[in-house]
Amino acid sequence: MSTKVNRRQKIRYRIRKKISGTAQAPRLSVFRSNSDIYVQLIDDTNGTTLASASSRDKDIKAQAGTKSEKAVLVGKALAVKALALGLTTCIFDRSGYLYHGRVKSVADGAREGGLQF
């Protein structure tokens, strides 16, 4: 029997076989918990995280709004950090989640912030 977590893990591995981030185009990885959302820009060639943002950051946590609205802010915050590092492109990694709801909101926020993928 496959649980929801195991199913997502299988999908995640299938996605990761196809995509990986570089220093010029890092992987934008999304993790979604029940209450929060976390995103990272990862350079897979060196195995380092270049930038990260989450809905637990002080400035985002202070905002009122739904989880989807906060996800847009998280995407924008990551885009600002990426542009400060001189990164304009990235590869989106939905980590086995459906491209829908909060995951889509993060992507839209990052695009609004100036990242291209």
C-alpha atoms as a PDB file:
ATOM      1  CA  MET A   1       0.000   0.000   0.000  1.00  0.00           C
ATOM      2  CA  SER A   2       1.311   3.406  -0.883  1.00  0.00           C
ATOM      3  CA  THR A   3       0.732   6.351   1.403  1.00  0.00           C
ATOM      4  CA  LYS A   4       0.402   9.912   0.202  1.00  0.00           C
ATOM      5  CA  VAL A   5       3.966  10.691   1.347  1.00  0.00           C
ATOM      6  CA  ASN A   6       5.426   7.644  -0.443  1.00  0.00           C
ATOM      7  CA  ARG A   7       3.566   8.563  -3.621  1.00  0.00           C
ATOM      8  CA  ARG A   8       4.925  12.135  -3.510  1.00  0.00           C
ATOM      9  CA  GLN A   9       8.416  10.774  -2.862  1.00  0.00           C
ATOM     10  CA  LYS A  10       8.248   8.564  -5.981  1.00  0.00           C
ATOM     11  CA  ILE A  11       7.079  11.514  -8.084  1.00  0.00           C
ATOM     12  CA  ARG A  12       9.819  13.656  -6.542  1.00  0.00           C
ATOM     13  CA  TYR A  13      12.538  11.157  -7.496  1.00  0.00           C
ATOM     14  CA  ARG A  14      11.148  10.925 -11.031  1.00  0.00           C
ATOM     15  CA  ILE A  15      11.317  14.739 -11.369  1.00  0.00           C
ATOM     16  CA  ARG A  16      14.838  14.886  -9.889  1.00  0.00           C
ATOM     17  CA  LYS A  17      16.114  12.365 -12.448  1.00  0.00           C
ATOM     18  CA  LYS A  18      15.342  14.893 -15.168  1.00  0.00           C
ATOM     19  CA  ILE A  19      16.309  18.228 -13.585  1.00  0.00           C
ATOM     20  CA  SER A  20      19.277  19.590 -11.667  1.00  0.00           C
ATOM     21  CA  GLY A  21      20.461  23.097 -10.893  1.00  0.00           C
ATOM     22  CA  THR A  22      23.750  24.749 -11.802  1.00  0.00           C
ATOM     23  CA  ALA A  23      25.474  27.853 -10.478  1.00  0.00           C
ATOM     24  CA  GLN A  24      24.039  29.932 -13.370  1.00  0.00           C
ATOM     25  CA  ALA A  25      20.558  28.349 -13.295  1.00  0.00           C
ATOM     26  CA  PRO A  26      19.917  26.938  -9.806  1.00  0.00           C
ATOM     27  CA  ARG A  27      17.016  24.657  -8.929  1.00  0.00           C
ATOM     28  CA  LEU A  28      14.133  26.395  -7.162  1.00  0.00           C
ATOM     29  CA  SER A  29      12.979  23.708  -4.733  1.00  0.00           C
ATOM     30  CA  VAL A  30       9.645  23.992  -2.897  1.00  0.00           C
ATOM     31  CA  PHE A  31       8.679  22.317   0.374  1.00  0.00           C
ATOM     32  CA  ARG A  32       5.122  22.667   1.573  1.00  0.00           C
ATOM     33  CA  SER A  33       4.088  21.797   5.117  1.00  0.00           C
ATOM     34  CA  ASN A  34       0.542  22.090   6.437  1.00  0.00           C
ATOM     35  CA  SER A  35       1.105  25.581   7.817  1.00  0.00           C
ATOM     36  CA  ASP A  36       4.160  26.977   6.020  1.00  0.00           C
ATOM     37  CA  ILE A  37       6.018  26.951   2.714  1.00  0.00           C
ATOM     38  CA  TYR A  38       9.785  26.938   2.185  1.00  0.00           C
ATOM     39  CA  VAL A  39      11.772  27.596  -1.009  1.00  0.00           C
ATOM     40  CA  GLN A  40      15.478  27.261  -1.787  1.00  0.00           C
ATOM     41  CA  LEU A  41      17.733  28.007  -4.732  1.00  0.00           C
ATOM     42  CA  ILE A  42      20.081  25.035  -4.955  1.00  0.00           C
ATOM     43  CA  ASP A  43      23.263  24.577  -6.984  1.00  0.00           C
ATOM     44  CA  ASP A  44      23.379  20.796  -7.451  1.00  0.00           C
ATOM     45  CA  THR A  45      26.876  20.723  -8.991  1.00  0.00           C
ATOM     46  CA  ASN A  46      28.402  21.975  -5.718  1.00  0.00           C
ATOM     47  CA  GLY A  47      25.575  20.774  -3.474  1.00  0.00           C
ATOM     48  CA  THR A  48      25.013  24.196  -1.932  1.00  0.00           C
ATOM     49  CA  THR A  49      21.988  26.329  -1.161  1.00  0.00           C
ATOM     50  CA  LEU A  50      22.430  29.791  -2.664  1.00  0.00           C
ATOM     51  CA  ALA A  51      19.341  31.495  -1.210  1.00  0.00           C
ATOM     52  CA  SER A  52      16.243  30.562   0.732  1.00  0.00           C
ATOM     53  CA  ALA A  53      12.978  32.065   1.913  1.00  0.00           C
ATOM     54  CA  SER A  54       9.994  30.815   3.867  1.00  0.00           C
ATOM     55  CA  SER A  55       6.667  31.913   5.254  1.00  0.00           C
ATOM     56  CA  ARG A  56       8.288  31.823   8.704  1.00  0.00           C
ATOM     57  CA  ASP A  57      10.550  34.808   7.925  1.00  0.00           C
ATOM     58  CA  LYS A  58       9.708  37.724  10.228  1.00  0.00           C
ATOM     59  CA  ASP A  59       8.548  40.157   7.521  1.00  0.00           C
ATOM     60  CA  ILE A  60       6.296  37.564   5.837  1.00  0.00           C
ATOM     61  CA  LYS A  61       4.945  36.103   9.091  1.00  0.00           C
ATOM     62  CA  ALA A  62       3.865  39.604  10.149  1.00  0.00           C
ATOM     63  CA  GLN A  63       1.668  39.972   7.027  1.00  0.00           C
ATOM     64  CA  ALA A  64      -2.000  39.092   7.278  1.00  0.00           C
ATOM     65  CA  GLY A  65      -3.535  36.907   4.600  1.00  0.00           C
ATOM     66  CA  THR A  66      -4.166  33.384   3.415  1.00  0.00           C
ATOM     67  CA  LYS A  67      -1.437  30.775   2.980  1.00  0.00           C
ATOM     68  CA  SER A  68      -1.588  31.278  -0.813  1.00  0.00           C
ATOM     69  CA  GLU A  69      -1.112  35.045  -0.435  1.00  0.00           C
ATOM     70  CA  LYS A  70       1.892  34.432   1.825  1.00  0.00           C
ATOM     71  CA  ALA A  71       3.275  31.974  -0.747  1.00  0.00           C
ATOM     72  CA  VAL A  72       3.330  34.793  -3.329  1.00  0.00           C
ATOM     73  CA  LEU A  73       5.318  36.923  -0.855  1.00  0.00           C
ATOM     74  CA  VAL A  74       7.763  34.044  -0.298  1.00  0.00           C
ATOM     75  CA  GLY A  75       8.304  33.783  -4.061  1.00  0.00           C
ATOM     76  CA  LYS A  76       8.933  37.517  -4.338  1.00  0.00           C
ATOM     77  CA  ALA A  77      11.333  37.451  -1.359  1.00  0.00           C
ATOM     78  CA  LEU A  78      13.356  34.651  -2.962  1.00  0.00           C
ATOM     79  CA  ALA A  79      13.428  36.515  -6.294  1.00  0.00           C
ATOM     80  CA  VAL A  80      14.836  39.609  -4.544  1.00  0.00           C
ATOM     81  CA  LYS A  81      17.584  37.522  -2.913  1.00  0.00           C
ATOM     82  CA  ALA A  82      18.358  35.806  -6.235  1.00  0.00           C
ATOM     83  CA  LEU A  83      18.625  39.106  -8.123  1.00  0.00           C
ATOM     84  CA  ALA A  84      20.949  40.414  -5.393  1.00  0.00           C
ATOM     85  CA  LEU A  85      23.196  37.400  -6.147  1.00  0.00           C
ATOM     86  CA  GLY A  86      23.013  38.194  -9.882  1.00  0.00           C
ATOM     87  CA  LEU A  87      20.774  35.237 -10.764  1.00  0.00           C
ATOM     88  CA  THR A  88      17.938  35.759 -13.241  1.00  0.00           C
ATOM     89  CA  THR A  89      17.081  32.227 -14.362  1.00  0.00           C
ATOM     90  CA  CYS A  90      16.267  29.096 -12.412  1.00  0.00           C
ATOM     91  CA  ILE A  91      14.744  25.648 -12.865  1.00  0.00           C
ATOM     92  CA  PHE A  92      11.477  25.075 -10.992  1.00  0.00           C
ATOM     93  CA  ASP A  93      11.268  21.908  -8.884  1.00  0.00           C
ATOM     94  CA  ARG A  94       7.772  21.286  -7.572  1.00  0.00           C
ATOM     95  CA  SER A  95       9.053  18.401  -5.389  1.00  0.00           C
ATOM     96  CA  GLY A  96       6.195  16.044  -6.222  1.00  0.00           C
ATOM     97  CA  TYR A  97       3.429  18.498  -5.342  1.00  0.00           C
ATOM     98  CA  LEU A  98       0.792  19.386  -7.921  1.00  0.00           C
ATOM     99  CA  TYR A  99       1.476  22.678  -9.719  1.00  0.00           C
ATOM    100  CA  HIS A 100      -1.563  24.182  -8.093  1.00  0.00           C
ATOM    101  CA  GLY A 101      -2.489  26.314  -5.082  1.00  0.00           C
ATOM    102  CA  ARG A 102       0.455  27.377  -2.915  1.00  0.00           C
ATOM    103  CA  VAL A 103       3.101  25.836  -5.183  1.00  0.00           C
ATOM    104  CA  LYS A 104       1.731  27.803  -8.159  1.00  0.00           C
ATOM    105  CA  SER A 105       1.536  30.952  -5.992  1.00  0.00           C
ATOM    106  CA  VAL A 106       5.247  30.667  -5.129  1.00  0.00           C
ATOM    107  CA  ALA A 107       6.105  30.315  -8.825  1.00  0.00           C
ATOM    108  CA  ASP A 108       3.941  33.321  -9.751  1.00  0.00           C
ATOM    109  CA  GLY A 109       5.515  35.410  -6.977  1.00  0.00           C
ATOM    110  CA  ALA A 110       9.040  34.493  -8.114  1.00  0.00           C
ATOM    111  CA  ARG A 111       8.151  35.423 -11.707  1.00  0.00           C
ATOM    112  CA  GLU A 112       6.699  38.761 -10.543  1.00  0.00           C
ATOM    113  CA  GLY A 113       9.923  39.351  -8.617  1.00  0.00           C
ATOM    114  CA  GLY A 114      11.954  38.957 -11.817  1.00  0.00           C
ATOM    115  CA  LEU A 115      13.062  35.316 -11.947  1.00  0.00           C
ATOM    116  CA  GLN A 116      12.663  33.484 -15.250  1.00  0.00           C
ATOM    117  CA  PHE A 117      11.815  29.797 -15.583  1.00  0.00           C
END
